[in-house]
Amino acid sequence: MNRKYVVADMITGYGVAESVKHYYAVYGGELKGKKVIIQGWGNVGAAGAYYLAQEGAIIVGIIDRDGGLIKEEGFSYQEITDLFNAKDGNKLNAENMLSFDEVNSKIWDIKAEVFLPCAASRLITQNQVERMIASGMEVIAAGANVPFADPEIFFGPIADFTDNNISIIPDFISNCGMARVFAYLMGNDLEKIEDESIFKDTSKTIQNALENVFEKNSNPKNISKTAFEIALKQLI
Protein backbone atom coordinates (compact mmCIF):
# COMPACT_ATOMS: atom_id res chain seq x y z
CA MET A 1 0.00 0.00 0.00
CA ASN A 2 1.33 3.42 -0.92
CA ARG A 3 1.02 6.06 1.76
CA LYS A 4 1.69 9.76 1.56
CA TYR A 5 3.75 11.33 4.31
CA VAL A 6 3.92 15.02 5.11
CA VAL A 7 6.74 16.95 6.78
CA ALA A 8 5.03 16.71 10.17
CA ASP A 9 5.08 12.90 9.98
CA MET A 10 8.84 12.73 9.48
CA ILE A 11 10.57 15.86 10.77
CA THR A 12 10.87 15.03 14.48
CA GLY A 13 12.23 11.53 13.89
CA TYR A 14 14.52 12.94 11.22
CA GLY A 15 15.86 15.49 13.70
CA VAL A 16 16.47 12.84 16.36
CA ALA A 17 18.43 10.77 13.84
CA GLU A 18 20.35 13.85 12.66
CA SER A 19 21.25 14.67 16.28
CA VAL A 20 23.01 11.30 16.55
CA LYS A 21 24.78 11.82 13.21
CA HIS A 22 25.96 15.29 14.25
CA TYR A 23 26.94 14.01 17.71
CA TYR A 24 29.44 11.58 16.19
CA ALA A 25 30.67 14.20 13.71
CA VAL A 26 31.27 16.72 16.53
CA TYR A 27 32.48 14.48 19.37
CA GLY A 28 34.26 11.91 17.21
CA GLY A 29 33.41 8.52 15.80
CA GLU A 30 31.26 7.28 12.97
CA LEU A 31 27.54 6.58 12.95
CA LYS A 32 27.78 3.87 10.31
CA GLY A 33 27.84 0.46 11.96
CA LYS A 34 26.62 1.67 15.36
CA LYS A 35 23.97 -0.56 16.90
CA VAL A 36 20.71 1.12 17.87
CA ILE A 37 17.78 0.38 20.22
CA ILE A 38 14.46 2.14 19.56
CA GLN A 39 11.72 2.66 22.14
CA GLY A 40 8.37 3.47 20.54
CA TRP A 41 7.29 2.96 16.93
CA GLY A 42 5.12 6.01 16.33
CA ASN A 43 6.07 8.83 13.97
CA VAL A 44 9.21 9.74 15.94
CA GLY A 45 10.65 6.29 16.65
CA ALA A 46 9.86 4.77 13.27
CA ALA A 47 11.16 7.77 11.30
CA GLY A 48 14.24 8.00 13.53
CA ALA A 49 15.01 4.33 12.90
CA TYR A 50 14.43 4.75 9.16
CA TYR A 51 16.83 7.68 8.85
CA LEU A 52 19.49 6.06 11.05
CA ALA A 53 19.32 2.86 8.99
CA GLN A 54 19.67 5.00 5.87
CA GLU A 55 22.92 6.35 7.32
CA GLY A 56 24.27 2.84 7.89
CA ALA A 57 23.42 2.42 11.57
CA ILE A 58 22.13 -1.02 12.60
CA ILE A 59 18.79 -1.31 14.40
CA VAL A 60 19.04 -4.30 16.77
CA GLY A 61 15.95 -3.90 18.95
CA ILE A 62 12.54 -2.21 18.97
CA ILE A 63 10.35 -2.07 22.07
CA ASP A 64 6.81 -0.78 21.68
CA ARG A 65 3.76 -0.61 23.91
CA ASP A 66 2.40 -4.07 23.02
CA GLY A 67 5.60 -5.93 22.18
CA GLY A 68 8.71 -5.66 20.09
CA LEU A 69 11.47 -7.19 18.01
CA ILE A 70 15.05 -8.16 18.75
CA LYS A 71 17.65 -9.06 16.14
CA GLU A 72 21.14 -8.76 17.58
CA GLU A 73 22.84 -9.00 14.18
CA GLY A 74 20.63 -6.12 13.05
CA PHE A 75 17.70 -5.49 10.73
CA SER A 76 18.48 -4.54 7.15
CA TYR A 77 17.55 -1.12 5.78
CA GLN A 78 14.81 -2.80 3.75
CA GLU A 79 13.45 -4.56 6.84
CA ILE A 80 13.28 -1.25 8.72
CA THR A 81 11.60 0.40 5.73
CA ASP A 82 9.03 -2.41 5.63
CA LEU A 83 8.39 -2.09 9.38
CA PHE A 84 7.96 1.66 8.94
CA ASN A 85 5.39 1.15 6.19
CA ALA A 86 3.61 -1.62 8.10
CA LYS A 87 2.88 0.56 11.16
CA ASP A 88 -0.61 0.14 12.56
CA GLY A 89 -1.29 3.79 13.36
CA ASN A 90 1.45 4.50 15.90
CA LYS A 91 2.08 0.86 16.76
CA LEU A 92 4.64 -1.70 15.66
CA ASN A 93 3.05 -4.31 13.44
CA ALA A 94 5.05 -7.45 12.65
CA GLU A 95 4.22 -11.14 12.34
CA ASN A 96 7.02 -12.33 14.61
CA MET A 97 6.59 -9.79 17.42
CA LEU A 98 7.70 -10.84 20.87
CA SER A 99 5.56 -10.05 23.91
CA PHE A 100 6.26 -6.82 25.76
CA ASP A 101 7.47 -8.71 28.83
CA GLU A 102 9.94 -10.80 26.81
CA VAL A 103 11.36 -7.81 24.95
CA ASN A 104 11.50 -5.71 28.12
CA SER A 105 13.44 -8.44 29.93
CA LYS A 106 16.10 -8.69 27.19
CA ILE A 107 16.46 -5.46 25.24
CA TRP A 108 18.34 -3.44 27.87
CA ASP A 109 21.18 -5.98 27.85
CA ILE A 110 21.74 -6.05 24.08
CA LYS A 111 25.06 -4.66 22.90
CA ALA A 112 24.27 -1.25 21.40
CA GLU A 113 25.81 2.22 21.24
CA VAL A 114 22.74 4.37 20.49
CA PHE A 115 19.33 4.54 22.18
CA LEU A 116 16.34 6.54 20.96
CA PRO A 117 13.59 6.83 23.61
CA CYS A 118 10.64 7.87 21.44
CA ALA A 119 7.64 6.60 23.41
CA ALA A 120 5.81 8.25 26.29
CA SER A 121 7.72 10.42 28.75
CA ARG A 122 9.15 9.22 32.09
CA LEU A 123 9.63 5.55 31.17
CA ILE A 124 13.39 4.92 31.47
CA THR A 125 14.43 3.59 34.88
CA GLN A 126 17.79 3.66 36.64
CA ASN A 127 18.09 -0.10 36.23
CA GLN A 128 17.54 0.11 32.48
CA VAL A 129 20.16 2.87 32.16
CA GLU A 130 22.72 0.88 34.16
CA ARG A 131 22.13 -2.22 32.00
CA MET A 132 22.51 -0.23 28.77
CA ILE A 133 25.74 1.37 30.00
CA ALA A 134 27.08 -2.09 30.92
CA SER A 135 26.27 -3.21 27.36
CA GLY A 136 28.28 -0.44 25.71
CA MET A 137 25.78 2.42 25.32
CA GLU A 138 27.39 5.68 24.17
CA VAL A 139 24.61 8.16 23.42
CA ILE A 140 20.91 8.65 24.12
CA ALA A 141 19.02 11.02 21.82
CA ALA A 142 15.73 12.04 23.36
CA GLY A 143 12.69 11.64 21.14
CA ALA A 144 10.41 11.75 24.17
CA ASN A 145 10.18 15.12 25.90
CA VAL A 146 11.23 13.73 29.30
CA PRO A 147 12.63 10.22 28.77
CA PHE A 148 13.67 9.35 32.31
CA ALA A 149 11.36 8.20 35.11
CA ASP A 150 12.16 11.19 37.32
CA PRO A 151 9.42 13.18 39.02
CA GLU A 152 11.34 16.41 38.45
CA ILE A 153 10.17 18.53 35.52
CA PHE A 154 13.52 18.90 33.77
CA PHE A 155 16.42 17.03 35.34
CA GLY A 156 16.13 14.46 38.11
CA PRO A 157 18.53 11.89 39.59
CA ILE A 158 18.20 9.30 36.77
CA ALA A 159 18.90 11.92 34.12
CA ASP A 160 21.78 13.25 36.22
CA PHE A 161 23.30 9.78 36.64
CA THR A 162 23.01 9.08 32.91
CA ASP A 163 24.45 12.47 31.94
CA ASN A 164 27.43 11.83 34.23
CA ASN A 165 28.20 8.48 32.62
CA ILE A 166 27.33 8.70 28.90
CA SER A 167 26.10 11.28 26.40
CA ILE A 168 22.50 12.53 26.48
CA ILE A 169 21.33 14.79 23.69
CA PRO A 170 18.50 16.67 25.42
CA ASP A 171 15.03 16.80 23.93
CA PHE A 172 15.13 20.54 23.17
CA ILE A 173 17.98 19.82 20.74
CA SER A 174 17.20 16.35 19.41
CA ASN A 175 13.43 16.61 18.91
CA CYS A 176 13.20 20.28 17.96
CA GLY A 177 11.96 19.38 14.45
CA MET A 178 8.42 20.74 14.55
CA ALA A 179 9.47 23.84 16.48
CA ARG A 180 12.05 24.50 13.78
CA VAL A 181 9.42 24.05 11.06
CA PHE A 182 7.30 26.79 12.65
CA ALA A 183 10.31 29.04 13.19
CA TYR A 184 11.50 28.51 9.62
CA LEU A 185 8.11 29.29 8.12
CA MET A 186 7.60 32.40 10.27
CA GLY A 187 11.15 33.67 9.98
CA ASN A 188 11.55 33.61 6.22
CA ASP A 189 9.88 35.51 3.41
CA LEU A 190 9.02 32.41 1.44
CA GLU A 191 7.60 32.51 -2.06
CA LYS A 192 7.97 28.77 -2.36
CA ILE A 193 8.04 26.28 0.51
CA GLU A 194 10.30 23.30 -0.17
CA ASP A 195 10.53 20.20 2.00
CA GLU A 196 14.27 19.91 1.46
CA SER A 197 14.91 23.42 2.81
CA ILE A 198 12.86 22.70 5.94
CA PHE A 199 14.76 19.47 6.64
CA LYS A 200 18.13 21.16 6.02
CA ASP A 201 17.19 23.96 8.44
CA THR A 202 16.33 21.45 11.18
CA SER A 203 19.57 19.54 10.65
CA LYS A 204 21.68 22.72 10.68
CA THR A 205 19.98 23.99 13.84
CA ILE A 206 20.77 20.73 15.65
CA GLN A 207 24.35 20.76 14.35
CA ASN A 208 24.88 24.34 15.55
CA ALA A 209 23.46 23.51 18.99
CA LEU A 210 25.80 20.54 19.44
CA GLU A 211 28.79 22.53 18.21
CA ASN A 212 27.98 25.24 20.77
CA VAL A 213 27.82 22.61 23.51
CA PHE A 214 31.12 21.09 22.36
CA GLU A 215 32.76 24.52 22.39
CA LYS A 216 31.87 24.87 26.07
CA ASN A 217 32.38 21.21 27.02
CA SER A 218 34.36 18.89 24.71
CA ASN A 219 33.83 15.94 27.06
CA PRO A 220 31.09 13.59 25.78
CA LYS A 221 29.71 13.43 29.32
CA ASN A 222 27.49 16.14 30.86
CA ILE A 223 26.25 17.27 27.46
CA SER A 224 22.72 17.83 28.80
CA LYS A 225 23.89 19.95 31.75
CA THR A 226 26.01 22.06 29.42
CA ALA A 227 23.12 22.46 26.96
CA PHE A 228 20.75 23.52 29.77
CA GLU A 229 23.30 26.07 30.97
CA ILE A 230 23.64 27.56 27.49
CA ALA A 231 19.86 27.62 27.00
CA LEU A 232 19.20 29.30 30.35
CA LYS A 233 21.77 32.00 29.64
CA GLN A 234 20.09 32.67 26.30
CA LEU A 235 16.73 33.07 28.05
CA ILE A 236 17.96 35.48 30.73
C-alpha atoms as a PDB file:
ATOM      1  CA  MET A   1       0.000   0.000   0.000  1.00  0.00           C
ATOM      2  CA  ASN A   2       1.327   3.422  -0.917  1.00  0.00           C
ATOM      3  CA  ARG A   3       1.017   6.055   1.756  1.00  0.00           C
ATOM      4  CA  LYS A   4       1.685   9.759   1.559  1.00  0.00           C
ATOM      5  CA  TYR A   5       3.746  11.330   4.315  1.00  0.00           C
ATOM      6  CA  VAL A   6       3.925  15.020   5.112  1.00  0.00           C
ATOM      7  CA  VAL A   7       6.739  16.953   6.777  1.00  0.00           C
ATOM      8  CA  ALA A   8       5.031  16.712  10.174  1.00  0.00           C
ATOM      9  CA  ASP A   9       5.081  12.898   9.981  1.00  0.00           C
ATOM     10  CA  MET A  10       8.835  12.730   9.480  1.00  0.00           C
ATOM     11  CA  ILE A  11      10.572  15.857  10.767  1.00  0.00           C
ATOM     12  CA  THR A  12      10.866  15.031  14.475  1.00  0.00           C
ATOM     13  CA  GLY A  13      12.232  11.532  13.894  1.00  0.00           C
ATOM     14  CA  TYR A  14      14.524  12.938  11.222  1.00  0.00           C
ATOM     15  CA  GLY A  15      15.856  15.493  13.699  1.00  0.00           C
ATOM     16  CA  VAL A  16      16.470  12.843  16.364  1.00  0.00           C
ATOM     17  CA  ALA A  17      18.432  10.770  13.837  1.00  0.00           C
ATOM     18  CA  GLU A  18      20.352  13.849  12.663  1.00  0.00           C
ATOM     19  CA  SER A  19      21.252  14.674  16.279  1.00  0.00           C
ATOM     20  CA  VAL A  20      23.014  11.297  16.548  1.00  0.00           C
ATOM     21  CA  LYS A  21      24.780  11.823  13.213  1.00  0.00           C
ATOM     22  CA  HIS A  22      25.960  15.285  14.254  1.00  0.00           C
ATOM     23  CA  TYR A  23      26.944  14.010  17.713  1.00  0.00           C
ATOM     24  CA  TYR A  24      29.443  11.585  16.194  1.00  0.00           C
ATOM     25  CA  ALA A  25      30.670  14.199  13.713  1.00  0.00           C
ATOM     26  CA  VAL A  26      31.267  16.724  16.530  1.00  0.00           C
ATOM     27  CA  TYR A  27      32.482  14.482  19.367  1.00  0.00           C
ATOM     28  CA  GLY A  28      34.262  11.913  17.215  1.00  0.00           C
ATOM     29  CA  GLY A  29      33.411   8.523  15.796  1.00  0.00           C
ATOM     30  CA  GLU A  30      31.260   7.284  12.972  1.00  0.00           C
ATOM     31  CA  LEU A  31      27.535   6.583  12.955  1.00  0.00           C
ATOM     32  CA  LYS A  32      27.784   3.870  10.309  1.00  0.00           C
ATOM     33  CA  GLY A  33      27.840   0.463  11.960  1.00  0.00           C
ATOM     34  CA  LYS A  34      26.619   1.675  15.356  1.00  0.00           C
ATOM     35  CA  LYS A  35      23.969  -0.558  16.896  1.00  0.00           C
ATOM     36  CA  VAL A  36      20.709   1.121  17.874  1.00  0.00           C
ATOM     37  CA  ILE A  37      17.780   0.381  20.218  1.00  0.00           C
ATOM     38  CA  ILE A  38      14.463   2.137  19.560  1.00  0.00           C
ATOM     39  CA  GLN A  39      11.717   2.659  22.142  1.00  0.00           C
ATOM     40  CA  GLY A  40       8.369   3.467  20.541  1.00  0.00           C
ATOM     41  CA  TRP A  41       7.295   2.965  16.925  1.00  0.00           C
ATOM     42  CA  GLY A  42       5.124   6.012  16.330  1.00  0.00           C
ATOM     43  CA  ASN A  43       6.074   8.831  13.969  1.00  0.00           C
ATOM     44  CA  VAL A  44       9.206   9.736  15.938  1.00  0.00           C
ATOM     45  CA  GLY A  45      10.651   6.293  16.645  1.00  0.00           C
ATOM     46  CA  ALA A  46       9.857   4.768  13.266  1.00  0.00           C
ATOM     47  CA  ALA A  47      11.157   7.765  11.300  1.00  0.00           C
ATOM     48  CA  GLY A  48      14.237   8.003  13.531  1.00  0.00           C
ATOM     49  CA  ALA A  49      15.009   4.332  12.902  1.00  0.00           C
ATOM     50  CA  TYR A  50      14.428   4.751   9.164  1.00  0.00           C
ATOM     51  CA  TYR A  51      16.828   7.680   8.851  1.00  0.00           C
ATOM     52  CA  LEU A  52      19.485   6.063  11.047  1.00  0.00           C
ATOM     53  CA  ALA A  53      19.315   2.857   8.992  1.00  0.00           C
ATOM     54  CA  GLN A  54      19.671   4.996   5.871  1.00  0.00           C
ATOM     55  CA  GLU A  55      22.923   6.352   7.323  1.00  0.00           C
ATOM     56  CA  GLY A  56      24.268   2.835   7.889  1.00  0.00           C
ATOM     57  CA  ALA A  57      23.421   2.417  11.569  1.00  0.00           C
ATOM     58  CA  ILE A  58      22.132  -1.016  12.598  1.00  0.00           C
ATOM     59  CA  ILE A  59      18.792  -1.309  14.402  1.00  0.00           C
ATOM     60  CA  VAL A  60      19.040  -4.305  16.767  1.00  0.00           C
ATOM     61  CA  GLY A  61      15.954  -3.895  18.949  1.00  0.00           C
ATOM     62  CA  ILE A  62      12.545  -2.209  18.973  1.00  0.00           C
ATOM     63  CA  ILE A  63      10.349  -2.068  22.069  1.00  0.00           C
ATOM     64  CA  ASP A  64       6.812  -0.779  21.680  1.00  0.00           C
ATOM     65  CA  ARG A  65       3.761  -0.610  23.908  1.00  0.00           C
ATOM     66  CA  ASP A  66       2.405  -4.068  23.022  1.00  0.00           C
ATOM     67  CA  GLY A  67       5.604  -5.935  22.182  1.00  0.00           C
ATOM     68  CA  GLY A  68       8.707  -5.665  20.089  1.00  0.00           C
ATOM     69  CA  LEU A  69      11.468  -7.193  18.012  1.00  0.00           C
ATOM     70  CA  ILE A  70      15.049  -8.165  18.754  1.00  0.00           C
ATOM     71  CA  LYS A  71      17.652  -9.057  16.135  1.00  0.00           C
ATOM     72  CA  GLU A  72      21.137  -8.756  17.578  1.00  0.00           C
ATOM     73  CA  GLU A  73      22.845  -8.996  14.180  1.00  0.00           C
ATOM     74  CA  GLY A  74      20.631  -6.118  13.047  1.00  0.00           C
ATOM     75  CA  PHE A  75      17.701  -5.493  10.728  1.00  0.00           C
ATOM     76  CA  SER A  76      18.475  -4.539   7.146  1.00  0.00           C
ATOM     77  CA  TYR A  77      17.551  -1.125   5.781  1.00  0.00           C
ATOM     78  CA  GLN A  78      14.806  -2.798   3.746  1.00  0.00           C
ATOM     79  CA  GLU A  79      13.449  -4.559   6.841  1.00  0.00           C
ATOM     80  CA  ILE A  80      13.283  -1.247   8.724  1.00  0.00           C
ATOM     81  CA  THR A  81      11.599   0.398   5.732  1.00  0.00           C
ATOM     82  CA  ASP A  82       9.034  -2.413   5.629  1.00  0.00           C
ATOM     83  CA  LEU A  83       8.388  -2.093   9.380  1.00  0.00           C
ATOM     84  CA  PHE A  84       7.957   1.662   8.942  1.00  0.00           C
ATOM     85  CA  ASN A  85       5.393   1.153   6.192  1.00  0.00           C
ATOM     86  CA  ALA A  86       3.609  -1.621   8.103  1.00  0.00           C
ATOM     87  CA  LYS A  87       2.877   0.563  11.156  1.00  0.00           C
ATOM     88  CA  ASP A  88      -0.615   0.139  12.561  1.00  0.00           C
ATOM     89  CA  GLY A  89      -1.288   3.790  13.356  1.00  0.00           C
ATOM     90  CA  ASN A  90       1.447   4.497  15.902  1.00  0.00           C
ATOM     91  CA  LYS A  91       2.081   0.858  16.761  1.00  0.00           C
ATOM     92  CA  LEU A  92       4.644  -1.696  15.655  1.00  0.00           C
ATOM     93  CA  ASN A  93       3.045  -4.312  13.441  1.00  0.00           C
ATOM     94  CA  ALA A  94       5.047  -7.454  12.651  1.00  0.00           C
ATOM     95  CA  GLU A  95       4.216 -11.141  12.340  1.00  0.00           C
ATOM     96  CA  ASN A  96       7.016 -12.326  14.608  1.00  0.00           C
ATOM     97  CA  MET A  97       6.591  -9.794  17.418  1.00  0.00           C
ATOM     98  CA  LEU A  98       7.698 -10.844  20.875  1.00  0.00           C
ATOM     99  CA  SER A  99       5.562 -10.047  23.907  1.00  0.00           C
ATOM    100  CA  PHE A 100       6.264  -6.824  25.756  1.00  0.00           C
ATOM    101  CA  ASP A 101       7.475  -8.710  28.831  1.00  0.00           C
ATOM    102  CA  GLU A 102       9.938 -10.799  26.812  1.00  0.00           C
ATOM    103  CA  VAL A 103      11.356  -7.809  24.953  1.00  0.00           C
ATOM    104  CA  ASN A 104      11.502  -5.711  28.124  1.00  0.00           C
ATOM    105  CA  SER A 105      13.441  -8.437  29.933  1.00  0.00           C
ATOM    106  CA  LYS A 106      16.101  -8.692  27.189  1.00  0.00           C
ATOM    107  CA  ILE A 107      16.462  -5.462  25.242  1.00  0.00           C
ATOM    108  CA  TRP A 108      18.336  -3.436  27.874  1.00  0.00           C
ATOM    109  CA  ASP A 109      21.183  -5.978  27.854  1.00  0.00           C
ATOM    110  CA  ILE A 110      21.737  -6.052  24.083  1.00  0.00           C
ATOM    111  CA  LYS A 111      25.055  -4.659  22.896  1.00  0.00           C
ATOM    112  CA  ALA A 112      24.272  -1.252  21.400  1.00  0.00           C
ATOM    113  CA  GLU A 113      25.806   2.218  21.240  1.00  0.00           C
ATOM    114  CA  VAL A 114      22.737   4.368  20.494  1.00  0.00           C
ATOM    115  CA  PHE A 115      19.335   4.542  22.177  1.00  0.00           C
ATOM    116  CA  LEU A 116      16.340   6.542  20.964  1.00  0.00           C
ATOM    117  CA  PRO A 117      13.594   6.831  23.609  1.00  0.00           C
ATOM    118  CA  CYS A 118      10.640   7.872  21.443  1.00  0.00           C
ATOM    119  CA  ALA A 119       7.643   6.600  23.407  1.00  0.00           C
ATOM    120  CA  ALA A 120       5.809   8.254  26.289  1.00  0.00           C
ATOM    121  CA  SER A 121       7.716  10.418  28.751  1.00  0.00           C
ATOM    122  CA  ARG A 122       9.154   9.219  32.085  1.00  0.00           C
ATOM    123  CA  LEU A 123       9.633   5.549  31.170  1.00  0.00           C
ATOM    124  CA  ILE A 124      13.394   4.923  31.466  1.00  0.00           C
ATOM    125  CA  THR A 125      14.429   3.589  34.876  1.00  0.00           C
ATOM    126  CA  GLN A 126      17.790   3.659  36.638  1.00  0.00           C
ATOM    127  CA  ASN A 127      18.092  -0.101  36.229  1.00  0.00           C
ATOM    128  CA  GLN A 128      17.545   0.109  32.478  1.00  0.00           C
ATOM    129  CA  VAL A 129      20.160   2.867  32.159  1.00  0.00           C
ATOM    130  CA  GLU A 130      22.715   0.882  34.155  1.00  0.00           C
ATOM    131  CA  ARG A 131      22.133  -2.221  32.004  1.00  0.00           C
ATOM    132  CA  MET A 132      22.511  -0.227  28.769  1.00  0.00           C
ATOM    133  CA  ILE A 133      25.742   1.368  30.005  1.00  0.00           C
ATOM    134  CA  ALA A 134      27.078  -2.092  30.916  1.00  0.00           C
ATOM    135  CA  SER A 135      26.274  -3.215  27.359  1.00  0.00           C
ATOM    136  CA  GLY A 136      28.280  -0.438  25.705  1.00  0.00           C
ATOM    137  CA  MET A 137      25.783   2.419  25.324  1.00  0.00           C
ATOM    138  CA  GLU A 138      27.392   5.681  24.170  1.00  0.00           C
ATOM    139  CA  VAL A 139      24.611   8.159  23.418  1.00  0.00           C
ATOM    140  CA  ILE A 140      20.915   8.653  24.125  1.00  0.00           C
ATOM    141  CA  ALA A 141      19.025  11.025  21.819  1.00  0.00           C
ATOM    142  CA  ALA A 142      15.730  12.037  23.358  1.00  0.00           C
ATOM    143  CA  GLY A 143      12.692  11.636  21.137  1.00  0.00           C
ATOM    144  CA  ALA A 144      10.409  11.748  24.175  1.00  0.00           C
ATOM    145  CA  ASN A 145      10.178  15.124  25.900  1.00  0.00           C
ATOM    146  CA  VAL A 146      11.231  13.734  29.297  1.00  0.00           C
ATOM    147  CA  PRO A 147      12.635  10.220  28.766  1.00  0.00           C
ATOM    148  CA  PHE A 148      13.667   9.345  32.314  1.00  0.00           C
ATOM    149  CA  ALA A 149      11.356   8.205  35.109  1.00  0.00           C
ATOM    150  CA  ASP A 150      12.165  11.188  37.316  1.00  0.00           C
ATOM    151  CA  PRO A 151       9.418  13.178  39.019  1.00  0.00           C
ATOM    152  CA  GLU A 152      11.342  16.415  38.454  1.00  0.00           C
ATOM    153  CA  ILE A 153      10.174  18.530  35.524  1.00  0.00           C
ATOM    154  CA  PHE A 154      13.521  18.896  33.769  1.00  0.00           C
ATOM    155  CA  PHE A 155      16.417  17.033  35.339  1.00  0.00           C
ATOM    156  CA  GLY A 156      16.131  14.459  38.106  1.00  0.00           C
ATOM    157  CA  PRO A 157      18.533  11.885  39.592  1.00  0.00           C
ATOM    158  CA  ILE A 158      18.198   9.298  36.774  1.00  0.00           C
ATOM    159  CA  ALA A 159      18.898  11.918  34.118  1.00  0.00           C
ATOM    160  CA  ASP A 160      21.785  13.249  36.225  1.00  0.00           C
ATOM    161  CA  PHE A 161      23.298   9.778  36.641  1.00  0.00           C
ATOM    162  CA  THR A 162      23.005   9.081  32.909  1.00  0.00           C
ATOM    163  CA  ASP A 163      24.451  12.473  31.940  1.00  0.00           C
ATOM    164  CA  ASN A 164      27.432  11.833  34.231  1.00  0.00           C
ATOM    165  CA  ASN A 165      28.196   8.477  32.615  1.00  0.00           C
ATOM    166  CA  ILE A 166      27.334   8.697  28.899  1.00  0.00           C
ATOM    167  CA  SER A 167      26.100  11.281  26.396  1.00  0.00           C
ATOM    168  CA  ILE A 168      22.504  12.529  26.483  1.00  0.00           C
ATOM    169  CA  ILE A 169      21.334  14.791  23.689  1.00  0.00           C
ATOM    170  CA  PRO A 170      18.498  16.670  25.424  1.00  0.00           C
ATOM    171  CA  ASP A 171      15.033  16.804  23.929  1.00  0.00           C
ATOM    172  CA  PHE A 172      15.130  20.537  23.172  1.00  0.00           C
ATOM    173  CA  ILE A 173      17.982  19.825  20.743  1.00  0.00           C
ATOM    174  CA  SER A 174      17.204  16.348  19.410  1.00  0.00           C
ATOM    175  CA  ASN A 175      13.434  16.614  18.914  1.00  0.00           C
ATOM    176  CA  CYS A 176      13.198  20.275  17.959  1.00  0.00           C
ATOM    177  CA  GLY A 177      11.965  19.378  14.452  1.00  0.00           C
ATOM    178  CA  MET A 178       8.415  20.744  14.545  1.00  0.00           C
ATOM    179  CA  ALA A 179       9.466  23.840  16.482  1.00  0.00           C
ATOM    180  CA  ARG A 180      12.049  24.502  13.777  1.00  0.00           C
ATOM    181  CA  VAL A 181       9.416  24.052  11.060  1.00  0.00           C
ATOM    182  CA  PHE A 182       7.300  26.788  12.647  1.00  0.00           C
ATOM    183  CA  ALA A 183      10.313  29.036  13.190  1.00  0.00           C
ATOM    184  CA  TYR A 184      11.497  28.511   9.621  1.00  0.00           C
ATOM    185  CA  LEU A 185       8.110  29.292   8.118  1.00  0.00           C
ATOM    186  CA  MET A 186       7.599  32.398  10.271  1.00  0.00           C
ATOM    187  CA  GLY A 187      11.150  33.666   9.983  1.00  0.00           C
ATOM    188  CA  ASN A 188      11.549  33.607   6.221  1.00  0.00           C
ATOM    189  CA  ASP A 189       9.876  35.513   3.412  1.00  0.00           C
ATOM    190  CA  LEU A 190       9.022  32.415   1.436  1.00  0.00           C
ATOM    191  CA  GLU A 191       7.605  32.508  -2.060  1.00  0.00           C
ATOM    192  CA  LYS A 192       7.969  28.766  -2.360  1.00  0.00           C
ATOM    193  CA  ILE A 193       8.042  26.277   0.510  1.00  0.00           C
ATOM    194  CA  GLU A 194      10.301  23.298  -0.175  1.00  0.00           C
ATOM    195  CA  ASP A 195      10.529  20.201   2.003  1.00  0.00           C
ATOM    196  CA  GLU A 196      14.268  19.911   1.455  1.00  0.00           C
ATOM    197  CA  SER A 197      14.910  23.421   2.809  1.00  0.00           C
ATOM    198  CA  ILE A 198      12.860  22.698   5.939  1.00  0.00           C
ATOM    199  CA  PHE A 199      14.761  19.475   6.635  1.00  0.00           C
ATOM    200  CA  LYS A 200      18.126  21.162   6.022  1.00  0.00           C
ATOM    201  CA  ASP A 201      17.189  23.962   8.438  1.00  0.00           C
ATOM    202  CA  THR A 202      16.333  21.453  11.183  1.00  0.00           C
ATOM    203  CA  SER A 203      19.570  19.544  10.646  1.00  0.00           C
ATOM    204  CA  LYS A 204      21.679  22.724  10.677  1.00  0.00           C
ATOM    205  CA  THR A 205      19.981  23.992  13.841  1.00  0.00           C
ATOM    206  CA  ILE A 206      20.773  20.729  15.646  1.00  0.00           C
ATOM    207  CA  GLN A 207      24.347  20.757  14.351  1.00  0.00           C
ATOM    208  CA  ASN A 208      24.879  24.340  15.553  1.00  0.00           C
ATOM    209  CA  ALA A 209      23.465  23.514  18.987  1.00  0.00           C
ATOM    210  CA  LEU A 210      25.796  20.536  19.439  1.00  0.00           C
ATOM    211  CA  GLU A 211      28.785  22.530  18.211  1.00  0.00           C
ATOM    212  CA  ASN A 212      27.977  25.236  20.770  1.00  0.00           C
ATOM    213  CA  VAL A 213      27.820  22.606  23.512  1.00  0.00           C
ATOM    214  CA  PHE A 214      31.124  21.092  22.362  1.00  0.00           C
ATOM    215  CA  GLU A 215      32.761  24.522  22.386  1.00  0.00           C
ATOM    216  CA  LYS A 216      31.872  24.865  26.066  1.00  0.00           C
ATOM    217  CA  ASN A 217      32.383  21.206  27.017  1.00  0.00           C
ATOM    218  CA  SER A 218      34.359  18.891  24.712  1.00  0.00           C
ATOM    219  CA  ASN A 219      33.830  15.936  27.063  1.00  0.00           C
ATOM    220  CA  PRO A 220      31.086  13.588  25.782  1.00  0.00           C
ATOM    221  CA  LYS A 221      29.709  13.431  29.321  1.00  0.00           C
ATOM    222  CA  ASN A 222      27.490  16.140  30.860  1.00  0.00           C
ATOM    223  CA  ILE A 223      26.246  17.273  27.458  1.00  0.00           C
ATOM    224  CA  SER A 224      22.724  17.835  28.800  1.00  0.00           C
ATOM    225  CA  LYS A 225      23.886  19.954  31.752  1.00  0.00           C
ATOM    226  CA  THR A 226      26.005  22.065  29.415  1.00  0.00           C
ATOM    227  CA  ALA A 227      23.124  22.464  26.960  1.00  0.00           C
ATOM    228  CA  PHE A 228      20.754  23.517  29.768  1.00  0.00           C
ATOM    229  CA  GLU A 229      23.298  26.068  30.968  1.00  0.00           C
ATOM    230  CA  ILE A 230      23.639  27.559  27.489  1.00  0.00           C
ATOM    231  CA  ALA A 231      19.858  27.620  27.003  1.00  0.00           C
ATOM    232  CA  LEU A 232      19.203  29.302  30.352  1.00  0.00           C
ATOM    233  CA  LYS A 233      21.771  32.000  29.636  1.00  0.00           C
ATOM    234  CA  GLN A 234      20.094  32.674  26.304  1.00  0.00           C
ATOM    235  CA  LEU A 235      16.734  33.072  28.054  1.00  0.00           C
ATOM    236  CA  ILE A 236      17.963  35.481  30.729  1.00  0.00           C
END
